[in-house]
Every structure is written in C-alpha cells, then in structure tokens.
Amino acid sequence: MKLEVALKGMASAQKNLRSVEGIGNPVFMSEAMMRLSQYTGCVEDHLAELEKEAELAEAKSYMEMKAFGKSPSAAEKEAKYAVAEFKADIKRLTRLTTSAWRQVGVIQSRVNHLIREAQTQV
C-alpha cells in the first residue's frame, strides 16, 4: 500500500473515531480502531524504510565529503544537511504514528469501559 493511501486511511479512521458513534458504540469503535491500527502499521513500514534510506544517505554523503577533503566534523555537518528532508519526514511520520497508537490505546480502554458498564446495567 502506498504511503499516501495509508495516511489517508489513518486520517479517515481517526475522523470516524471522533464521531458520535466513535464515542459510544463499541462495535463501531472496535472496527474503526482495527482499521486505524492496520493503516498505522502500514505507515510504520514506510517509516522504517525511510529511516533506513536516511541512514544510508547520510553515511554516503559523509563519505563523499571526506573524499573531497572535508574534515570529519565538517563532513558530518554537511551530511546532516543533506538528509534534512528525510529527517523531517521521519519526525512527522513518527509523530503521526505515535498519536495513532495512543488513540488505539484510548479506544481500547473506552470499549472495555462501555462493555463493563453495559454488563452492570443488565
């Protein structure tokens, strides 16, 4: 699945969970939470690849700068600049996935609470 599709799926699932049904209907919440976790897992797969690419690109850039005669600290500094866009994307995706996993945890607690509440009312 493409990253853009997974991100849209995450956003859609989160939007559904912010609805009236997403607050009080355990079946709806469970389904939306499952969708959110699947999309989030897919985004994390892309995130892992992006982290790998960033590390490799930074190392390659560093070695190129060293080959051009730059000092180790100057080469390291330039290599960090070379992967700044990677790092920014990584931070963004990390923030989004962390938030989504927190939301999954909260929804799990809410579903359990609603189930216990329904059992005590019977």
PDB file of N, CA and C in Angstrom:
ATOM      1  N   MET A   1       0.857  -1.175   0.000  1.00  0.00           N
ATOM      2  CA  MET A   1       0.000   0.000   0.000  1.00  0.00           C
ATOM      3  C   MET A   1       0.902   1.237   0.000  1.00  0.00           C
ATOM      4  N   LYS A   2       0.530   2.199  -0.789  1.00  0.00           N
ATOM      5  CA  LYS A   2       1.307   3.432  -0.860  1.00  0.00           C
ATOM      6  C   LYS A   2       1.154   4.231   0.430  1.00  0.00           C
ATOM      7  N   LEU A   3       2.182   4.994   0.738  1.00  0.00           N
ATOM      8  CA  LEU A   3       2.182   5.797   1.959  1.00  0.00           C
ATOM      9  C   LEU A   3       1.012   6.776   1.986  1.00  0.00           C
ATOM     10  N   GLU A   4       0.744   7.421   0.868  1.00  0.00           N
ATOM     11  CA  GLU A   4      -0.343   8.407   0.825  1.00  0.00           C
ATOM     12  C   GLU A   4      -1.694   7.760   1.130  1.00  0.00           C
ATOM     13  N   VAL A   5      -1.896   6.555   0.622  1.00  0.00           N
ATOM     14  CA  VAL A   5      -3.142   5.821   0.864  1.00  0.00           C
ATOM     15  C   VAL A   5      -3.252   5.470   2.346  1.00  0.00           C
ATOM     16  N   ALA A   6      -2.153   5.004   2.934  1.00  0.00           N
ATOM     17  CA  ALA A   6      -2.156   4.645   4.353  1.00  0.00           C
ATOM     18  C   ALA A   6      -2.405   5.874   5.229  1.00  0.00           C
ATOM     19  N   LEU A   7      -1.794   7.002   4.877  1.00  0.00           N
ATOM     20  CA  LEU A   7      -2.008   8.228   5.659  1.00  0.00           C
ATOM     21  C   LEU A   7      -3.456   8.702   5.563  1.00  0.00           C
ATOM     22  N   LYS A   8      -4.021   8.611   4.364  1.00  0.00           N
ATOM     23  CA  LYS A   8      -5.439   8.979   4.203  1.00  0.00           C
ATOM     24  C   LYS A   8      -6.336   8.036   4.988  1.00  0.00           C
ATOM     25  N   GLY A   9      -6.009   6.751   4.979  1.00  0.00           N
ATOM     26  CA  GLY A   9      -6.770   5.772   5.747  1.00  0.00           C
ATOM     27  C   GLY A   9      -6.694   6.042   7.241  1.00  0.00           C
ATOM     28  N   MET A  10      -5.499   6.398   7.725  1.00  0.00           N
ATOM     29  CA  MET A  10      -5.342   6.750   9.141  1.00  0.00           C
ATOM     30  C   MET A  10      -6.209   7.948   9.490  1.00  0.00           C
ATOM     31  N   ALA A  11      -6.142   8.978   8.658  1.00  0.00           N
ATOM     32  CA  ALA A  11      -6.912  10.193   8.920  1.00  0.00           C
ATOM     33  C   ALA A  11      -8.407   9.904   8.906  1.00  0.00           C
ATOM     34  N   SER A  12      -8.847   9.082   7.977  1.00  0.00           N
ATOM     35  CA  SER A  12     -10.259   8.733   7.886  1.00  0.00           C
ATOM     36  C   SER A  12     -10.714   7.956   9.119  1.00  0.00           C
ATOM     37  N   ALA A  13      -9.911   6.995   9.543  1.00  0.00           N
ATOM     38  CA  ALA A  13     -10.260   6.202  10.733  1.00  0.00           C
ATOM     39  C   ALA A  13     -10.303   7.092  11.970  1.00  0.00           C
ATOM     40  N   GLN A  14      -9.361   8.006  12.081  1.00  0.00           N
ATOM     41  CA  GLN A  14      -9.347   8.922  13.222  1.00  0.00           C
ATOM     42  C   GLN A  14     -10.572   9.834  13.198  1.00  0.00           C
ATOM     43  N   LYS A  15     -10.933  10.285  12.012  1.00  0.00           N
ATOM     44  CA  LYS A  15     -12.126  11.132  11.889  1.00  0.00           C
ATOM     45  C   LYS A  15     -13.368  10.358  12.323  1.00  0.00           C
ATOM     46  N   ASN A  16     -13.470   9.105  11.888  1.00  0.00           N
ATOM     47  CA  ASN A  16     -14.613   8.270  12.279  1.00  0.00           C
ATOM     48  C   ASN A  16     -14.669   8.078  13.789  1.00  0.00           C
ATOM     49  N   LEU A  17     -13.516   7.948  14.406  1.00  0.00           N
ATOM     50  CA  LEU A  17     -13.472   7.761  15.854  1.00  0.00           C
ATOM     51  C   LEU A  17     -13.842   9.038  16.616  1.00  0.00           C
ATOM     52  N   ARG A  18     -13.808  10.163  15.941  1.00  0.00           N
ATOM     53  CA  ARG A  18     -14.182  11.435  16.570  1.00  0.00           C
ATOM     54  C   ARG A  18     -15.668  11.751  16.392  1.00  0.00           C
ATOM     55  N   SER A  19     -16.416  10.796  15.889  1.00  0.00           N
ATOM     56  CA  SER A  19     -17.850  10.975  15.673  1.00  0.00           C
ATOM     57  C   SER A  19     -18.622  10.527  16.904  1.00  0.00           C
ATOM     58  N   VAL A  20     -19.943  10.721  16.882  1.00  0.00           N
ATOM     59  CA  VAL A  20     -20.797  10.284  17.983  1.00  0.00           C
ATOM     60  C   VAL A  20     -20.694   8.774  18.167  1.00  0.00           C
ATOM     61  N   GLU A  21     -20.739   8.034  17.049  1.00  0.00           N
ATOM     62  CA  GLU A  21     -20.613   6.576  17.132  1.00  0.00           C
ATOM     63  C   GLU A  21     -19.248   6.165  17.648  1.00  0.00           C
ATOM     64  N   GLY A  22     -18.250   6.945  17.302  1.00  0.00           N
ATOM     65  CA  GLY A  22     -16.887   6.647  17.722  1.00  0.00           C
ATOM     66  C   GLY A  22     -16.654   6.867  19.201  1.00  0.00           C
ATOM     67  N   ILE A  23     -17.635   7.427  19.881  1.00  0.00           N
ATOM     68  CA  ILE A  23     -17.514   7.666  21.319  1.00  0.00           C
ATOM     69  C   ILE A  23     -18.342   6.662  22.117  1.00  0.00           C
ATOM     70  N   GLY A  24     -19.460   6.217  21.549  1.00  0.00           N
ATOM     71  CA  GLY A  24     -20.365   5.404  22.349  1.00  0.00           C
ATOM     72  C   GLY A  24     -20.752   4.052  21.811  1.00  0.00           C
ATOM     73  N   ASN A  25     -20.357   3.708  20.612  1.00  0.00           N
ATOM     74  CA  ASN A  25     -20.744   2.425  20.016  1.00  0.00           C
ATOM     75  C   ASN A  25     -19.531   1.494  19.983  1.00  0.00           C
ATOM     76  N   PRO A  26     -19.458   0.525  20.903  1.00  0.00           N
ATOM     77  CA  PRO A  26     -18.275  -0.343  20.982  1.00  0.00           C
ATOM     78  C   PRO A  26     -17.967  -1.111  19.694  1.00  0.00           C
ATOM     79  N   VAL A  27     -18.992  -1.564  18.986  1.00  0.00           N
ATOM     80  CA  VAL A  27     -18.759  -2.310  17.741  1.00  0.00           C
ATOM     81  C   VAL A  27     -18.133  -1.385  16.694  1.00  0.00           C
ATOM     82  N   PHE A  28     -18.709  -0.192  16.539  1.00  0.00           N
ATOM     83  CA  PHE A  28     -18.165   0.785  15.595  1.00  0.00           C
ATOM     84  C   PHE A  28     -16.740   1.163  15.982  1.00  0.00           C
ATOM     85  N   MET A  29     -16.545   1.399  17.273  1.00  0.00           N
ATOM     86  CA  MET A  29     -15.222   1.790  17.766  1.00  0.00           C
ATOM     87  C   MET A  29     -14.188   0.702  17.492  1.00  0.00           C
ATOM     88  N   SER A  30     -14.570  -0.535  17.728  1.00  0.00           N
ATOM     89  CA  SER A  30     -13.669  -1.653  17.525  1.00  0.00           C
ATOM     90  C   SER A  30     -13.266  -1.772  16.054  1.00  0.00           C
ATOM     91  N   GLU A  31     -14.241  -1.637  15.162  1.00  0.00           N
ATOM     92  CA  GLU A  31     -13.944  -1.718  13.729  1.00  0.00           C
ATOM     93  C   GLU A  31     -13.046  -0.565  13.282  1.00  0.00           C
ATOM     94  N   ALA A  32     -13.361   0.641  13.730  1.00  0.00           N
ATOM     95  CA  ALA A  32     -12.559   1.808  13.350  1.00  0.00           C
ATOM     96  C   ALA A  32     -11.151   1.706  13.936  1.00  0.00           C
ATOM     97  N   MET A  33     -11.067   1.209  15.159  1.00  0.00           N
ATOM     98  CA  MET A  33      -9.764   1.032  15.802  1.00  0.00           C
ATOM     99  C   MET A  33      -8.927   0.011  15.034  1.00  0.00           C
ATOM    100  N   MET A  34      -9.558  -1.046  14.569  1.00  0.00           N
ATOM    101  CA  MET A  34      -8.845  -2.059  13.795  1.00  0.00           C
ATOM    102  C   MET A  34      -8.319  -1.468  12.491  1.00  0.00           C
ATOM    103  N   ARG A  35      -9.173  -0.684  11.824  1.00  0.00           N
ATOM    104  CA  ARG A  35      -8.733  -0.023  10.595  1.00  0.00           C
ATOM    105  C   ARG A  35      -7.559   0.916  10.880  1.00  0.00           C
ATOM    106  N   LEU A  36      -7.700   1.689  11.949  1.00  0.00           N
ATOM    107  CA  LEU A  36      -6.632   2.625  12.308  1.00  0.00           C
ATOM    108  C   LEU A  36      -5.330   1.879  12.582  1.00  0.00           C
ATOM    109  N   SER A  37      -5.397   0.774  13.284  1.00  0.00           N
ATOM    110  CA  SER A  37      -4.165   0.039  13.593  1.00  0.00           C
ATOM    111  C   SER A  37      -3.538  -0.557  12.334  1.00  0.00           C
ATOM    112  N   GLN A  38      -4.369  -1.014  11.392  1.00  0.00           N
ATOM    113  CA  GLN A  38      -3.822  -1.565  10.147  1.00  0.00           C
ATOM    114  C   GLN A  38      -3.137  -0.481   9.308  1.00  0.00           C
ATOM    115  N   TYR A  39      -3.791   0.656   9.173  1.00  0.00           N
ATOM    116  CA  TYR A  39      -3.181   1.760   8.419  1.00  0.00           C
ATOM    117  C   TYR A  39      -1.915   2.265   9.116  1.00  0.00           C
ATOM    118  N   THR A  40      -1.963   2.345  10.430  1.00  0.00           N
ATOM    119  CA  THR A  40      -0.804   2.830  11.177  1.00  0.00           C
ATOM    120  C   THR A  40       0.373   1.877  11.020  1.00  0.00           C
ATOM    121  N   GLY A  41       0.107   0.591  11.054  1.00  0.00           N
ATOM    122  CA  GLY A  41       1.166  -0.390  10.827  1.00  0.00           C
ATOM    123  C   GLY A  41       1.793  -0.240   9.455  1.00  0.00           C
ATOM    124  N   CYS A  42       0.971   0.042   8.470  1.00  0.00           N
ATOM    125  CA  CYS A  42       1.482   0.256   7.111  1.00  0.00           C
ATOM    126  C   CYS A  42       2.357   1.510   7.048  1.00  0.00           C
ATOM    127  N   VAL A  43       1.916   2.575   7.704  1.00  0.00           N
ATOM    128  CA  VAL A  43       2.719   3.805   7.739  1.00  0.00           C
ATOM    129  C   VAL A  43       4.053   3.520   8.426  1.00  0.00           C
ATOM    130  N   GLU A  44       4.028   2.713   9.474  1.00  0.00           N
ATOM    131  CA  GLU A  44       5.277   2.385  10.162  1.00  0.00           C
ATOM    132  C   GLU A  44       6.220   1.565   9.288  1.00  0.00           C
ATOM    133  N   ASP A  45       5.676   0.730   8.410  1.00  0.00           N
ATOM    134  CA  ASP A  45       6.528   0.013   7.458  1.00  0.00           C
ATOM    135  C   ASP A  45       7.263   1.011   6.565  1.00  0.00           C
ATOM    136  N   HIS A  46       6.524   2.002   6.070  1.00  0.00           N
ATOM    137  CA  HIS A  46       7.146   3.045   5.243  1.00  0.00           C
ATOM    138  C   HIS A  46       8.157   3.848   6.055  1.00  0.00           C
ATOM    139  N   LEU A  47       7.825   4.117   7.297  1.00  0.00           N
ATOM    140  CA  LEU A  47       8.721   4.869   8.181  1.00  0.00           C
ATOM    141  C   LEU A  47      10.040   4.120   8.371  1.00  0.00           C
ATOM    142  N   ALA A  48       9.965   2.825   8.555  1.00  0.00           N
ATOM    143  CA  ALA A  48      11.179   2.024   8.719  1.00  0.00           C
ATOM    144  C   ALA A  48      12.067   2.112   7.477  1.00  0.00           C
ATOM    145  N   GLU A  49      11.455   2.041   6.306  1.00  0.00           N
ATOM    146  CA  GLU A  49      12.224   2.159   5.067  1.00  0.00           C
ATOM    147  C   GLU A  49      12.843   3.548   4.928  1.00  0.00           C
ATOM    148  N   LEU A  50      12.081   4.559   5.300  1.00  0.00           N
ATOM    149  CA  LEU A  50      12.579   5.933   5.227  1.00  0.00           C
ATOM    150  C   LEU A  50      13.760   6.129   6.173  1.00  0.00           C
ATOM    151  N   GLU A  51      13.677   5.558   7.366  1.00  0.00           N
ATOM    152  CA  GLU A  51      14.793   5.646   8.318  1.00  0.00           C
ATOM    153  C   GLU A  51      16.038   4.962   7.757  1.00  0.00           C
ATOM    154  N   LYS A  52      15.845   3.829   7.138  1.00  0.00           N
ATOM    155  CA  LYS A  52      16.964   3.106   6.532  1.00  0.00           C
ATOM    156  C   LYS A  52      17.599   3.948   5.426  1.00  0.00           C
ATOM    157  N   GLU A  53      16.764   4.498   4.544  1.00  0.00           N
ATOM    158  CA  GLU A  53      17.261   5.329   3.448  1.00  0.00           C
ATOM    159  C   GLU A  53      18.007   6.547   3.973  1.00  0.00           C
ATOM    160  N   ALA A  54      17.487   7.153   5.021  1.00  0.00           N
ATOM    161  CA  ALA A  54      18.122   8.348   5.593  1.00  0.00           C
ATOM    162  C   ALA A  54      19.498   8.012   6.153  1.00  0.00           C
ATOM    163  N   GLU A  55      19.585   6.899   6.871  1.00  0.00           N
ATOM    164  CA  GLU A  55      20.879   6.494   7.444  1.00  0.00           C
ATOM    165  C   GLU A  55      21.901   6.230   6.347  1.00  0.00           C
ATOM    166  N   LEU A  56      21.456   5.514   5.314  1.00  0.00           N
ATOM    167  CA  LEU A  56      22.375   5.197   4.216  1.00  0.00           C
ATOM    168  C   LEU A  56      22.782   6.457   3.448  1.00  0.00           C
ATOM    169  N   ALA A  57      21.829   7.355   3.218  1.00  0.00           N
ATOM    170  CA  ALA A  57      22.133   8.594   2.503  1.00  0.00           C
ATOM    171  C   ALA A  57      23.084   9.470   3.309  1.00  0.00           C
ATOM    172  N   GLU A  58      22.885   9.511   4.619  1.00  0.00           N
ATOM    173  CA  GLU A  58      23.773  10.316   5.462  1.00  0.00           C
ATOM    174  C   GLU A  58      25.196   9.748   5.447  1.00  0.00           C
ATOM    175  N   ALA A  59      25.307   8.433   5.549  1.00  0.00           N
ATOM    176  CA  ALA A  59      26.632   7.806   5.518  1.00  0.00           C
ATOM    177  C   ALA A  59      27.320   8.039   4.175  1.00  0.00           C
ATOM    178  N   LYS A  60      26.561   7.905   3.099  1.00  0.00           N
ATOM    179  CA  LYS A  60      27.125   8.120   1.757  1.00  0.00           C
ATOM    180  C   LYS A  60      27.591   9.560   1.604  1.00  0.00           C
ATOM    181  N   SER A  61      26.780  10.492   2.042  1.00  0.00           N
ATOM    182  CA  SER A  61      27.134  11.907   1.953  1.00  0.00           C
ATOM    183  C   SER A  61      28.388  12.202   2.774  1.00  0.00           C
ATOM    184  N   TYR A  62      28.447  11.626   3.958  1.00  0.00           N
ATOM    185  CA  TYR A  62      29.612  11.818   4.819  1.00  0.00           C
ATOM    186  C   TYR A  62      30.880  11.323   4.125  1.00  0.00           C
ATOM    187  N   MET A  63      30.799  10.128   3.565  1.00  0.00           N
ATOM    188  CA  MET A  63      31.971   9.554   2.893  1.00  0.00           C
ATOM    189  C   MET A  63      32.387  10.385   1.681  1.00  0.00           C
ATOM    190  N   GLU A  64      31.409  10.924   0.956  1.00  0.00           N
ATOM    191  CA  GLU A  64      31.724  11.774  -0.195  1.00  0.00           C
ATOM    192  C   GLU A  64      32.424  13.051   0.255  1.00  0.00           C
ATOM    193  N   MET A  65      31.928  13.638   1.323  1.00  0.00           N
ATOM    194  CA  MET A  65      32.544  14.872   1.823  1.00  0.00           C
ATOM    195  C   MET A  65      33.968  14.612   2.310  1.00  0.00           C
ATOM    196  N   LYS A  66      34.160  13.470   2.965  1.00  0.00           N
ATOM    197  CA  LYS A  66      35.511  13.101   3.416  1.00  0.00           C
ATOM    198  C   LYS A  66      36.426  12.895   2.212  1.00  0.00           C
ATOM    199  N   ALA A  67      35.893  12.293   1.139  1.00  0.00           N
ATOM    200  CA  ALA A  67      36.693  12.053  -0.061  1.00  0.00           C
ATOM    201  C   ALA A  67      37.097  13.371  -0.727  1.00  0.00           C
ATOM    202  N   PHE A  68      36.274  14.415  -0.541  1.00  0.00           N
ATOM    203  CA  PHE A  68      36.594  15.735  -1.097  1.00  0.00           C
ATOM    204  C   PHE A  68      37.533  16.512  -0.181  1.00  0.00           C
ATOM    205  N   GLY A  69      37.987  15.878   0.899  1.00  0.00           N
ATOM    206  CA  GLY A  69      38.962  16.506   1.776  1.00  0.00           C
ATOM    207  C   GLY A  69      38.387  17.289   2.945  1.00  0.00           C
ATOM    208  N   LYS A  70      37.107  17.172   3.195  1.00  0.00           N
ATOM    209  CA  LYS A  70      36.498  17.862   4.337  1.00  0.00           C
ATOM    210  C   LYS A  70      36.943  17.189   5.632  1.00  0.00           C
ATOM    211  N   SER A  71      37.008  17.993   6.676  1.00  0.00           N
ATOM    212  CA  SER A  71      37.319  17.430   7.995  1.00  0.00           C
ATOM    213  C   SER A  71      36.138  16.571   8.447  1.00  0.00           C
ATOM    214  N   PRO A  72      36.368  15.644   9.384  1.00  0.00           N
ATOM    215  CA  PRO A  72      35.259  14.800   9.843  1.00  0.00           C
ATOM    216  C   PRO A  72      34.067  15.600  10.376  1.00  0.00           C
ATOM    217  N   SER A  73      34.325  16.644  11.135  1.00  0.00           N
ATOM    218  CA  SER A  73      33.197  17.406  11.684  1.00  0.00           C
ATOM    219  C   SER A  73      32.460  18.193  10.594  1.00  0.00           C
ATOM    220  N   ALA A  74      33.187  18.739   9.635  1.00  0.00           N
ATOM    221  CA  ALA A  74      32.548  19.459   8.529  1.00  0.00           C
ATOM    222  C   ALA A  74      31.762  18.488   7.644  1.00  0.00           C
ATOM    223  N   ALA A  75      32.328  17.314   7.413  1.00  0.00           N
ATOM    224  CA  ALA A  75      31.653  16.302   6.592  1.00  0.00           C
ATOM    225  C   ALA A  75      30.370  15.842   7.286  1.00  0.00           C
ATOM    226  N   GLU A  76      30.448  15.659   8.601  1.00  0.00           N
ATOM    227  CA  GLU A  76      29.272  15.233   9.361  1.00  0.00           C
ATOM    228  C   GLU A  76      28.177  16.294   9.308  1.00  0.00           C
ATOM    229  N   LYS A  77      28.591  17.548   9.439  1.00  0.00           N
ATOM    230  CA  LYS A  77      27.626  18.648   9.399  1.00  0.00           C
ATOM    231  C   LYS A  77      26.937  18.718   8.031  1.00  0.00           C
ATOM    232  N   GLU A  78      27.694  18.617   6.984  1.00  0.00           N
ATOM    233  CA  GLU A  78      27.116  18.676   5.638  1.00  0.00           C
ATOM    234  C   GLU A  78      26.242  17.455   5.348  1.00  0.00           C
ATOM    235  N   ALA A  79      26.641  16.316   5.863  1.00  0.00           N
ATOM    236  CA  ALA A  79      25.847  15.096   5.665  1.00  0.00           C
ATOM    237  C   ALA A  79      24.488  15.242   6.349  1.00  0.00           C
ATOM    238  N   LYS A  80      24.459  15.856   7.518  1.00  0.00           N
ATOM    239  CA  LYS A  80      23.183  16.078   8.224  1.00  0.00           C
ATOM    240  C   LYS A  80      22.280  17.001   7.416  1.00  0.00           C
ATOM    241  N   TYR A  81      22.857  18.029   6.812  1.00  0.00           N
ATOM    242  CA  TYR A  81      22.068  18.925   5.966  1.00  0.00           C
ATOM    243  C   TYR A  81      21.530  18.202   4.744  1.00  0.00           C
ATOM    244  N   ALA A  82      22.316  17.270   4.223  1.00  0.00           N
ATOM    245  CA  ALA A  82      21.914  16.540   3.013  1.00  0.00           C
ATOM    246  C   ALA A  82      20.688  15.664   3.253  1.00  0.00           C
ATOM    247  N   VAL A  83      20.483  15.223   4.500  1.00  0.00           N
ATOM    248  CA  VAL A  83      19.351  14.344   4.791  1.00  0.00           C
ATOM    249  C   VAL A  83      18.278  15.045   5.623  1.00  0.00           C
ATOM    250  N   ALA A  84      18.310  16.347   5.654  1.00  0.00           N
ATOM    251  CA  ALA A  84      17.351  17.105   6.480  1.00  0.00           C
ATOM    252  C   ALA A  84      15.900  16.811   6.082  1.00  0.00           C
ATOM    253  N   GLU A  85      15.639  16.688   4.790  1.00  0.00           N
ATOM    254  CA  GLU A  85      14.270  16.409   4.351  1.00  0.00           C
ATOM    255  C   GLU A  85      13.820  15.021   4.809  1.00  0.00           C
ATOM    256  N   PHE A  86      14.727  14.049   4.701  1.00  0.00           N
ATOM    257  CA  PHE A  86      14.428  12.703   5.227  1.00  0.00           C
ATOM    258  C   PHE A  86      14.068  12.783   6.704  1.00  0.00           C
ATOM    259  N   LYS A  87      14.914  13.475   7.457  1.00  0.00           N
ATOM    260  CA  LYS A  87      14.729  13.559   8.910  1.00  0.00           C
ATOM    261  C   LYS A  87      13.412  14.251   9.254  1.00  0.00           C
ATOM    262  N   ALA A  88      13.060  15.282   8.504  1.00  0.00           N
ATOM    263  CA  ALA A  88      11.795  15.979   8.743  1.00  0.00           C
ATOM    264  C   ALA A  88      10.608  15.048   8.487  1.00  0.00           C
ATOM    265  N   ASP A  89      10.667  14.286   7.402  1.00  0.00           N
ATOM    266  CA  ASP A  89       9.604  13.319   7.111  1.00  0.00           C
ATOM    267  C   ASP A  89       9.519  12.247   8.192  1.00  0.00           C
ATOM    268  N   ILE A  90      10.666  11.805   8.657  1.00  0.00           N
ATOM    269  CA  ILE A  90      10.705  10.782   9.708  1.00  0.00           C
ATOM    270  C   ILE A  90      10.054  11.307  10.977  1.00  0.00           C
ATOM    271  N   LYS A  91      10.390  12.530  11.360  1.00  0.00           N
ATOM    272  CA  LYS A  91       9.794  13.116  12.566  1.00  0.00           C
ATOM    273  C   LYS A  91       8.284  13.260  12.424  1.00  0.00           C
ATOM    274  N   ARG A  92       7.834  13.704  11.269  1.00  0.00           N
ATOM    275  CA  ARG A  92       6.395  13.877  11.022  1.00  0.00           C
ATOM    276  C   ARG A  92       5.656  12.541  11.115  1.00  0.00           C
ATOM    277  N   LEU A  93       6.178  11.539  10.420  1.00  0.00           N
ATOM    278  CA  LEU A  93       5.527  10.232  10.438  1.00  0.00           C
ATOM    279  C   LEU A  93       5.588   9.582  11.819  1.00  0.00           C
ATOM    280  N   THR A  94       6.671   9.796  12.521  1.00  0.00           N
ATOM    281  CA  THR A  94       6.784   9.274  13.886  1.00  0.00           C
ATOM    282  C   THR A  94       5.734   9.901  14.781  1.00  0.00           C
ATOM    283  N   ARG A  95       5.563  11.202  14.657  1.00  0.00           N
ATOM    284  CA  ARG A  95       4.554  11.893  15.464  1.00  0.00           C
ATOM    285  C   ARG A  95       3.158  11.372  15.133  1.00  0.00           C
ATOM    286  N   LEU A  96       2.855  11.206  13.850  1.00  0.00           N
ATOM    287  CA  LEU A  96       1.532  10.724  13.438  1.00  0.00           C
ATOM    288  C   LEU A  96       1.261   9.302  13.928  1.00  0.00           C
ATOM    289  N   THR A  97       2.252   8.428  13.805  1.00  0.00           N
ATOM    290  CA  THR A  97       2.031   7.046  14.234  1.00  0.00           C
ATOM    291  C   THR A  97       1.952   6.936  15.758  1.00  0.00           C
ATOM    292  N   THR A  98       2.756   7.694  16.453  1.00  0.00           N
ATOM    293  CA  THR A  98       2.695   7.685  17.919  1.00  0.00           C
ATOM    294  C   THR A  98       1.325   8.132  18.397  1.00  0.00           C
ATOM    295  N   SER A  99       0.823   9.181  17.777  1.00  0.00           N
ATOM    296  CA  SER A  99      -0.506   9.692  18.132  1.00  0.00           C
ATOM    297  C   SER A  99      -1.586   8.651  17.829  1.00  0.00           C
ATOM    298  N   ALA A 100      -1.463   7.991  16.697  1.00  0.00           N
ATOM    299  CA  ALA A 100      -2.458   6.980  16.313  1.00  0.00           C
ATOM    300  C   ALA A 100      -2.445   5.811  17.295  1.00  0.00           C
ATOM    301  N   TRP A 101      -1.246   5.363  17.703  1.00  0.00           N
ATOM    302  CA  TRP A 101      -1.184   4.245  18.652  1.00  0.00           C
ATOM    303  C   TRP A 101      -1.760   4.651  20.006  1.00  0.00           C
ATOM    304  N   ARG A 102      -1.530   5.899  20.399  1.00  0.00           N
ATOM    305  CA  ARG A 102      -2.146   6.371  21.645  1.00  0.00           C
ATOM    306  C   ARG A 102      -3.661   6.330  21.534  1.00  0.00           C
ATOM    307  N   GLN A 103      -4.163   6.761  20.392  1.00  0.00           N
ATOM    308  CA  GLN A 103      -5.603   6.761  20.183  1.00  0.00           C
ATOM    309  C   GLN A 103      -6.156   5.336  20.228  1.00  0.00           C
ATOM    310  N   VAL A 104      -5.450   4.386  19.647  1.00  0.00           N
ATOM    311  CA  VAL A 104      -5.879   2.986  19.697  1.00  0.00           C
ATOM    312  C   VAL A 104      -5.972   2.533  21.160  1.00  0.00           C
ATOM    313  N   GLY A 105      -4.979   2.876  21.952  1.00  0.00           N
ATOM    314  CA  GLY A 105      -4.995   2.508  23.362  1.00  0.00           C
ATOM    315  C   GLY A 105      -6.162   3.114  24.117  1.00  0.00           C
ATOM    316  N   VAL A 106      -6.447   4.385  23.845  1.00  0.00           N
ATOM    317  CA  VAL A 106      -7.569   5.051  24.498  1.00  0.00           C
ATOM    318  C   VAL A 106      -8.887   4.408  24.082  1.00  0.00           C
ATOM    319  N   ILE A 107      -9.028   4.100  22.816  1.00  0.00           N
ATOM    320  CA  ILE A 107     -10.258   3.478  22.328  1.00  0.00           C
ATOM    321  C   ILE A 107     -10.428   2.094  22.961  1.00  0.00           C
ATOM    322  N   GLN A 108      -9.346   1.337  23.082  1.00  0.00           N
ATOM    323  CA  GLN A 108      -9.443   0.027  23.737  1.00  0.00           C
ATOM    324  C   GLN A 108      -9.965   0.186  25.162  1.00  0.00           C
ATOM    325  N   SER A 109      -9.444   1.161  25.876  1.00  0.00           N
ATOM    326  CA  SER A 109      -9.912   1.404  27.247  1.00  0.00           C
ATOM    327  C   SER A 109     -11.372   1.805  27.259  1.00  0.00           C
ATOM    328  N   ARG A 110     -11.762   2.650  26.323  1.00  0.00           N
ATOM    329  CA  ARG A 110     -13.153   3.112  26.241  1.00  0.00           C
ATOM    330  C   ARG A 110     -14.100   1.958  25.930  1.00  0.00           C
ATOM    331  N   VAL A 111     -13.728   1.104  24.995  1.00  0.00           N
ATOM    332  CA  VAL A 111     -14.557  -0.058  24.653  1.00  0.00           C
ATOM    333  C   VAL A 111     -14.717  -0.950  25.887  1.00  0.00           C
ATOM    334  N   ASN A 112     -13.623  -1.224  26.581  1.00  0.00           N
ATOM    335  CA  ASN A 112     -13.695  -2.054  27.790  1.00  0.00           C
ATOM    336  C   ASN A 112     -14.595  -1.408  28.841  1.00  0.00           C
ATOM    337  N   HIS A 113     -14.504  -0.109  28.983  1.00  0.00           N
ATOM    338  CA  HIS A 113     -15.351   0.604  29.943  1.00  0.00           C
ATOM    339  C   HIS A 113     -16.828   0.477  29.558  1.00  0.00           C
ATOM    340  N   LEU A 114     -17.134   0.663  28.300  1.00  0.00           N
ATOM    341  CA  LEU A 114     -18.528   0.564  27.844  1.00  0.00           C
ATOM    342  C   LEU A 114     -19.063  -0.853  28.034  1.00  0.00           C
ATOM    343  N   ILE A 115     -18.238  -1.845  27.790  1.00  0.00           N
ATOM    344  CA  ILE A 115     -18.672  -3.231  27.975  1.00  0.00           C
ATOM    345  C   ILE A 115     -18.956  -3.499  29.447  1.00  0.00           C
ATOM    346  N   ARG A 116     -18.047  -3.077  30.322  1.00  0.00           N
ATOM    347  CA  ARG A 116     -18.278  -3.267  31.760  1.00  0.00           C
ATOM    348  C   ARG A 116     -19.521  -2.524  32.227  1.00  0.00           C
ATOM    349  N   GLU A 117     -19.717  -1.319  31.714  1.00  0.00           N
ATOM    350  CA  GLU A 117     -20.878  -0.515  32.058  1.00  0.00           C
ATOM    351  C   GLU A 117     -22.161  -1.221  31.624  1.00  0.00           C
ATOM    352  N   ALA A 118     -22.160  -1.783  30.420  1.00  0.00           N
ATOM    353  CA  ALA A 118     -23.344  -2.490  29.911  1.00  0.00           C
ATOM    354  C   ALA A 118     -23.622  -3.749  30.736  1.00  0.00           C
ATOM    355  N   GLN A 119     -22.585  -4.424  31.168  1.00  0.00           N
ATOM    356  CA  GLN A 119     -22.754  -5.648  31.969  1.00  0.00           C
ATOM    357  C   GLN A 119     -23.334  -5.346  33.341  1.00  0.00           C
ATOM    358  N   THR A 120     -23.002  -4.223  33.918  1.00  0.00           N
ATOM    359  CA  THR A 120     -23.526  -3.876  35.249  1.00  0.00           C
ATOM    360  C   THR A 120     -24.971  -3.391  35.190  1.00  0.00           C
ATOM    361  N   GLN A 121     -25.398  -2.959  34.002  1.00  0.00           N
ATOM    362  CA  GLN A 121     -26.780  -2.454  33.864  1.00  0.00           C
ATOM    363  C   GLN A 121     -27.763  -3.577  33.587  1.00  0.00           C
ATOM    364  N   VAL A 122     -27.280  -4.751  33.280  1.00  0.00           N
ATOM    365  CA  VAL A 122     -28.174  -5.863  32.947  1.00  0.00           C
ATOM    366  C   VAL A 122     -28.729  -6.513  34.169  1.00  0.00           C
TER     367      VAL A 122
END
